[in-house]
Amino acid sequence: MSSSKHSLTACINPLNCIFVQKEFDDANKSFNQLIKIAENIPRTIILENGKNYWKGVCRSLIFRFPDDLEILKVNSSKGIIQIKSSSRFGTSDLGVNQRRINYLLRKLDKTKY
């Protein structure tokens, strides 16, 4: 696991990495729903799937560039979940990682209704 015990590692380059921490009413339910959504992103391979941590690699459509996607349930009682999407190569991702996290959160909001 590339995260510490209580937090995902910070982004080194903000041009190719996005880190989000959100509070949810039900962290367990939200975490499980985020995992289901992430696992259904096209060209995503699951690397690790634990009780509080999930990691996958998402590949781009044309060149198959790998991006790491991590989801960590930090604190169930406070409802805190961290999500990080980062490119393995290059200095800029042209907004791909931000769009990926936006997609996850939008889909999560739709599952609540």
N, C-alpha and C. Protein backbone atom coordinates (compact mmCIF):
# COMPACT_ATOMS: atom_id res chain seq x y z
N MET A 1 0.85 -1.17 0.00
CA MET A 1 0.00 0.00 0.00
C MET A 1 0.89 1.23 0.00
N SER A 2 0.66 2.13 -0.95
CA SER A 2 1.51 3.30 -1.07
C SER A 2 1.02 4.46 -0.22
N SER A 3 0.23 4.19 0.75
CA SER A 3 -0.24 5.24 1.66
C SER A 3 0.27 4.94 3.06
N SER A 4 0.29 5.98 3.88
CA SER A 4 0.63 5.74 5.26
C SER A 4 -0.58 5.10 5.93
N LYS A 5 -0.46 4.83 7.21
CA LYS A 5 -1.54 4.18 7.94
C LYS A 5 -2.82 5.01 7.96
N HIS A 6 -2.68 6.33 7.97
CA HIS A 6 -3.83 7.19 8.16
C HIS A 6 -4.13 8.14 7.00
N SER A 7 -3.32 8.11 5.95
CA SER A 7 -3.52 9.06 4.87
C SER A 7 -2.82 8.60 3.60
N LEU A 8 -3.37 8.98 2.46
CA LEU A 8 -2.68 8.76 1.20
C LEU A 8 -1.52 9.73 1.10
N THR A 9 -0.51 9.38 0.33
CA THR A 9 0.62 10.29 0.15
C THR A 9 0.17 11.52 -0.63
N ALA A 10 0.80 12.64 -0.35
CA ALA A 10 0.46 13.90 -1.01
C ALA A 10 0.91 13.87 -2.46
N CYS A 11 0.28 14.70 -3.27
CA CYS A 11 0.69 14.84 -4.67
C CYS A 11 2.02 15.57 -4.73
N ILE A 12 2.92 15.06 -5.54
CA ILE A 12 4.22 15.71 -5.74
C ILE A 12 4.10 16.79 -6.80
N ASN A 13 3.39 16.49 -7.89
CA ASN A 13 3.22 17.43 -8.99
C ASN A 13 1.72 17.70 -9.19
N PRO A 14 1.27 18.91 -8.89
CA PRO A 14 -0.17 19.21 -9.03
C PRO A 14 -0.63 19.27 -10.48
N LEU A 15 0.28 19.19 -11.43
CA LEU A 15 -0.10 19.22 -12.84
C LEU A 15 -0.48 17.84 -13.37
N ASN A 16 -0.14 16.78 -12.61
CA ASN A 16 -0.51 15.43 -13.06
C ASN A 16 -1.05 14.57 -11.92
N CYS A 17 -1.57 15.21 -10.89
CA CYS A 17 -2.07 14.48 -9.72
C CYS A 17 -3.16 15.30 -9.03
N ILE A 18 -4.20 14.61 -8.61
CA ILE A 18 -5.29 15.26 -7.88
C ILE A 18 -5.55 14.47 -6.59
N PHE A 19 -5.67 15.19 -5.49
CA PHE A 19 -5.94 14.59 -4.19
C PHE A 19 -7.17 15.27 -3.60
N VAL A 20 -8.16 14.48 -3.22
CA VAL A 20 -9.41 15.01 -2.66
C VAL A 20 -9.69 14.29 -1.35
N GLN A 21 -10.10 15.05 -0.35
CA GLN A 21 -10.56 14.47 0.91
C GLN A 21 -11.95 15.01 1.16
N LYS A 22 -12.91 14.09 1.36
CA LYS A 22 -14.30 14.49 1.57
C LYS A 22 -14.86 13.80 2.79
N GLU A 23 -15.86 14.45 3.36
CA GLU A 23 -16.57 13.87 4.50
C GLU A 23 -17.94 13.40 4.02
N PHE A 24 -18.32 12.19 4.40
CA PHE A 24 -19.59 11.59 3.99
C PHE A 24 -20.40 11.21 5.23
N ASP A 25 -21.70 11.20 5.09
CA ASP A 25 -22.58 10.80 6.20
C ASP A 25 -22.33 9.35 6.58
N ASP A 26 -22.17 8.49 5.58
CA ASP A 26 -21.93 7.07 5.81
C ASP A 26 -20.67 6.67 5.03
N ALA A 27 -19.53 6.72 5.67
CA ALA A 27 -18.26 6.45 5.01
C ALA A 27 -18.18 5.03 4.48
N ASN A 28 -18.70 4.07 5.23
CA ASN A 28 -18.64 2.68 4.78
C ASN A 28 -19.41 2.48 3.48
N LYS A 29 -20.62 3.00 3.43
CA LYS A 29 -21.45 2.88 2.24
C LYS A 29 -20.82 3.63 1.06
N SER A 30 -20.37 4.85 1.30
CA SER A 30 -19.76 5.66 0.24
C SER A 30 -18.48 5.02 -0.28
N PHE A 31 -17.67 4.47 0.62
CA PHE A 31 -16.43 3.81 0.22
C PHE A 31 -16.75 2.63 -0.70
N ASN A 32 -17.70 1.79 -0.30
CA ASN A 32 -18.07 0.63 -1.11
C ASN A 32 -18.64 1.04 -2.46
N GLN A 33 -19.43 2.11 -2.49
CA GLN A 33 -19.97 2.58 -3.77
C GLN A 33 -18.88 3.16 -4.66
N LEU A 34 -17.94 3.90 -4.07
CA LEU A 34 -16.82 4.43 -4.85
C LEU A 34 -16.00 3.31 -5.47
N ILE A 35 -15.79 2.24 -4.72
CA ILE A 35 -15.04 1.09 -5.24
C ILE A 35 -15.76 0.48 -6.43
N LYS A 36 -17.06 0.29 -6.32
CA LYS A 36 -17.84 -0.28 -7.43
C LYS A 36 -17.74 0.60 -8.67
N ILE A 37 -17.85 1.91 -8.47
CA ILE A 37 -17.75 2.84 -9.60
C ILE A 37 -16.36 2.77 -10.22
N ALA A 38 -15.32 2.79 -9.38
CA ALA A 38 -13.93 2.76 -9.87
C ALA A 38 -13.65 1.48 -10.64
N GLU A 39 -14.16 0.36 -10.15
CA GLU A 39 -13.90 -0.92 -10.80
C GLU A 39 -14.57 -1.01 -12.18
N ASN A 40 -15.55 -0.16 -12.43
CA ASN A 40 -16.23 -0.16 -13.72
C ASN A 40 -15.72 0.89 -14.69
N ILE A 41 -14.69 1.62 -14.30
CA ILE A 41 -14.07 2.56 -15.24
C ILE A 41 -13.35 1.73 -16.30
N PRO A 42 -13.59 2.02 -17.59
CA PRO A 42 -12.93 1.24 -18.64
C PRO A 42 -11.41 1.23 -18.50
N ARG A 43 -10.82 0.09 -18.82
CA ARG A 43 -9.36 -0.12 -18.83
C ARG A 43 -8.74 0.04 -17.43
N THR A 44 -9.50 -0.34 -16.41
CA THR A 44 -9.00 -0.27 -15.03
C THR A 44 -8.69 -1.67 -14.52
N ILE A 45 -7.51 -1.82 -13.95
CA ILE A 45 -7.08 -3.09 -13.36
C ILE A 45 -6.92 -2.87 -11.86
N ILE A 46 -7.49 -3.76 -11.08
CA ILE A 46 -7.42 -3.65 -9.62
C ILE A 46 -6.09 -4.23 -9.14
N LEU A 47 -5.36 -3.45 -8.36
CA LEU A 47 -4.10 -3.89 -7.79
C LEU A 47 -4.25 -4.34 -6.34
N GLU A 48 -5.12 -3.64 -5.61
CA GLU A 48 -5.32 -3.96 -4.20
C GLU A 48 -6.75 -3.61 -3.80
N ASN A 49 -7.36 -4.50 -3.03
CA ASN A 49 -8.73 -4.28 -2.60
C ASN A 49 -8.86 -4.76 -1.16
N GLY A 50 -8.70 -3.80 -0.23
CA GLY A 50 -8.76 -4.15 1.19
C GLY A 50 -9.98 -3.56 1.86
N LYS A 51 -10.03 -3.73 3.17
CA LYS A 51 -11.16 -3.26 3.96
C LYS A 51 -11.32 -1.74 3.90
N ASN A 52 -10.20 -1.02 3.95
CA ASN A 52 -10.24 0.44 3.96
C ASN A 52 -9.49 1.09 2.81
N TYR A 53 -8.87 0.28 1.95
CA TYR A 53 -8.00 0.81 0.89
C TYR A 53 -8.22 0.06 -0.41
N TRP A 54 -8.29 0.83 -1.50
CA TRP A 54 -8.43 0.26 -2.84
C TRP A 54 -7.46 0.98 -3.76
N LYS A 55 -6.80 0.20 -4.63
CA LYS A 55 -5.90 0.81 -5.61
C LYS A 55 -6.08 0.12 -6.95
N GLY A 56 -6.10 0.93 -8.00
CA GLY A 56 -6.19 0.40 -9.36
C GLY A 56 -5.35 1.23 -10.30
N VAL A 57 -5.15 0.68 -11.50
CA VAL A 57 -4.46 1.39 -12.56
C VAL A 57 -5.45 1.60 -13.69
N CYS A 58 -5.62 2.85 -14.08
CA CYS A 58 -6.50 3.21 -15.19
C CYS A 58 -5.62 3.59 -16.38
N ARG A 59 -5.89 3.00 -17.52
CA ARG A 59 -5.08 3.28 -18.71
C ARG A 59 -5.86 4.13 -19.70
N SER A 60 -5.12 5.05 -20.36
CA SER A 60 -5.75 5.93 -21.35
C SER A 60 -6.15 5.14 -22.60
N LEU A 61 -7.09 5.67 -23.33
CA LEU A 61 -7.67 4.97 -24.46
C LEU A 61 -6.67 4.72 -25.59
N ILE A 62 -5.98 5.73 -26.03
CA ILE A 62 -5.12 5.61 -27.22
C ILE A 62 -3.74 5.05 -26.88
N PHE A 63 -3.00 5.73 -26.04
CA PHE A 63 -1.61 5.35 -25.77
C PHE A 63 -1.45 4.42 -24.57
N ARG A 64 -2.54 4.17 -23.83
CA ARG A 64 -2.52 3.27 -22.67
C ARG A 64 -1.57 3.73 -21.56
N PHE A 65 -1.47 5.07 -21.38
CA PHE A 65 -0.67 5.60 -20.28
C PHE A 65 -1.31 5.18 -18.96
N PRO A 66 -0.53 4.72 -17.98
CA PRO A 66 -1.10 4.29 -16.70
C PRO A 66 -1.22 5.43 -15.70
N ASP A 67 -2.37 5.49 -15.04
CA ASP A 67 -2.62 6.42 -13.95
C ASP A 67 -3.02 5.60 -12.73
N ASP A 68 -2.48 5.94 -11.58
CA ASP A 68 -2.85 5.27 -10.34
C ASP A 68 -4.09 5.94 -9.75
N LEU A 69 -5.04 5.14 -9.31
CA LEU A 69 -6.23 5.62 -8.64
C LEU A 69 -6.29 4.94 -7.28
N GLU A 70 -6.36 5.74 -6.21
CA GLU A 70 -6.39 5.21 -4.85
C GLU A 70 -7.58 5.79 -4.10
N ILE A 71 -8.21 4.94 -3.30
CA ILE A 71 -9.32 5.36 -2.45
C ILE A 71 -9.06 4.81 -1.05
N LEU A 72 -9.08 5.68 -0.05
CA LEU A 72 -8.79 5.29 1.32
C LEU A 72 -9.88 5.80 2.25
N LYS A 73 -10.47 4.90 3.01
CA LYS A 73 -11.41 5.29 4.07
C LYS A 73 -10.54 5.60 5.29
N VAL A 74 -10.41 6.87 5.60
CA VAL A 74 -9.50 7.32 6.65
C VAL A 74 -10.11 7.13 8.03
N ASN A 75 -11.36 7.57 8.17
CA ASN A 75 -11.99 7.56 9.48
C ASN A 75 -13.49 7.34 9.30
N SER A 76 -13.96 6.14 9.63
CA SER A 76 -15.38 5.81 9.46
C SER A 76 -16.28 6.65 10.35
N SER A 77 -15.86 6.90 11.58
CA SER A 77 -16.73 7.64 12.50
C SER A 77 -16.91 9.09 12.07
N LYS A 78 -15.90 9.68 11.45
CA LYS A 78 -16.01 11.05 10.95
C LYS A 78 -16.43 11.09 9.49
N GLY A 79 -16.48 9.92 8.82
CA GLY A 79 -16.93 9.85 7.44
C GLY A 79 -15.92 10.34 6.42
N ILE A 80 -14.65 10.29 6.73
CA ILE A 80 -13.63 10.85 5.85
C ILE A 80 -13.08 9.80 4.89
N ILE A 81 -13.09 10.17 3.60
CA ILE A 81 -12.53 9.33 2.54
C ILE A 81 -11.60 10.20 1.70
N GLN A 82 -10.44 9.64 1.35
CA GLN A 82 -9.49 10.32 0.47
C GLN A 82 -9.46 9.60 -0.88
N ILE A 83 -9.36 10.39 -1.95
CA ILE A 83 -9.25 9.85 -3.30
C ILE A 83 -8.08 10.55 -3.97
N LYS A 84 -7.23 9.75 -4.62
CA LYS A 84 -6.08 10.31 -5.31
C LYS A 84 -5.97 9.66 -6.67
N SER A 85 -5.78 10.48 -7.70
CA SER A 85 -5.55 9.99 -9.05
C SER A 85 -4.31 10.69 -9.57
N SER A 86 -3.31 9.89 -10.01
CA SER A 86 -2.04 10.48 -10.42
C SER A 86 -1.44 9.73 -11.61
N SER A 87 -0.83 10.51 -12.49
CA SER A 87 -0.16 9.94 -13.65
C SER A 87 1.20 9.38 -13.24
N ARG A 88 1.56 8.28 -13.84
CA ARG A 88 2.88 7.70 -13.57
C ARG A 88 3.96 8.37 -14.41
N PHE A 89 3.60 8.88 -15.57
CA PHE A 89 4.57 9.47 -16.50
C PHE A 89 4.14 10.86 -16.91
N GLY A 90 5.11 11.69 -17.27
CA GLY A 90 4.83 13.02 -17.78
C GLY A 90 4.66 14.05 -16.69
N THR A 91 4.73 15.30 -17.10
CA THR A 91 4.61 16.40 -16.15
C THR A 91 3.23 17.01 -16.14
N SER A 92 2.40 16.68 -17.13
CA SER A 92 1.03 17.18 -17.18
C SER A 92 0.11 16.07 -17.67
N ASP A 93 -1.11 16.06 -17.15
CA ASP A 93 -2.07 15.02 -17.55
C ASP A 93 -3.22 15.58 -18.38
N LEU A 94 -3.15 16.87 -18.72
CA LEU A 94 -4.19 17.54 -19.51
C LEU A 94 -5.57 17.43 -18.87
N GLY A 95 -5.60 17.35 -17.54
CA GLY A 95 -6.86 17.33 -16.80
C GLY A 95 -7.52 15.98 -16.64
N VAL A 96 -6.86 14.92 -17.08
CA VAL A 96 -7.44 13.57 -17.04
C VAL A 96 -7.76 13.14 -15.61
N ASN A 97 -6.84 13.34 -14.69
CA ASN A 97 -7.05 12.89 -13.31
C ASN A 97 -8.16 13.67 -12.61
N GLN A 98 -8.25 14.98 -12.88
CA GLN A 98 -9.35 15.78 -12.32
C GLN A 98 -10.68 15.29 -12.85
N ARG A 99 -10.76 15.00 -14.14
CA ARG A 99 -12.01 14.49 -14.73
C ARG A 99 -12.38 13.13 -14.14
N ARG A 100 -11.38 12.29 -13.88
CA ARG A 100 -11.64 10.97 -13.30
C ARG A 100 -12.26 11.10 -11.91
N ILE A 101 -11.69 11.95 -11.08
CA ILE A 101 -12.23 12.14 -9.73
C ILE A 101 -13.61 12.80 -9.79
N ASN A 102 -13.78 13.76 -10.68
CA ASN A 102 -15.10 14.38 -10.85
C ASN A 102 -16.13 13.33 -11.26
N TYR A 103 -15.75 12.43 -12.15
CA TYR A 103 -16.63 11.35 -12.60
C TYR A 103 -17.04 10.46 -11.41
N LEU A 104 -16.06 10.06 -10.60
CA LEU A 104 -16.35 9.22 -9.44
C LEU A 104 -17.35 9.89 -8.50
N LEU A 105 -17.12 11.15 -8.20
CA LEU A 105 -17.98 11.87 -7.26
C LEU A 105 -19.37 12.13 -7.84
N ARG A 106 -19.44 12.42 -9.14
CA ARG A 106 -20.75 12.60 -9.80
C ARG A 106 -21.56 11.32 -9.76
N LYS A 107 -20.92 10.20 -10.11
CA LYS A 107 -21.60 8.90 -10.10
C LYS A 107 -22.04 8.55 -8.68
N LEU A 108 -21.21 8.86 -7.69
CA LEU A 108 -21.56 8.59 -6.30
C LEU A 108 -22.80 9.40 -5.91
N ASP A 109 -22.86 10.67 -6.29
CA ASP A 109 -24.03 11.49 -5.99
C ASP A 109 -25.29 10.93 -6.63
N LYS A 110 -25.18 10.38 -7.81
CA LYS A 110 -26.34 9.80 -8.50
C LYS A 110 -26.84 8.54 -7.82
N THR A 111 -25.95 7.79 -7.14
CA THR A 111 -26.38 6.56 -6.49
C THR A 111 -27.16 6.84 -5.19
N LYS A 112 -27.08 8.07 -4.71
CA LYS A 112 -27.77 8.42 -3.46
C LYS A 112 -29.26 8.61 -3.68
N TYR A 113 -29.66 8.83 -4.92
CA TYR A 113 -31.08 9.14 -5.20
C TYR A 113 -31.79 7.96 -5.80
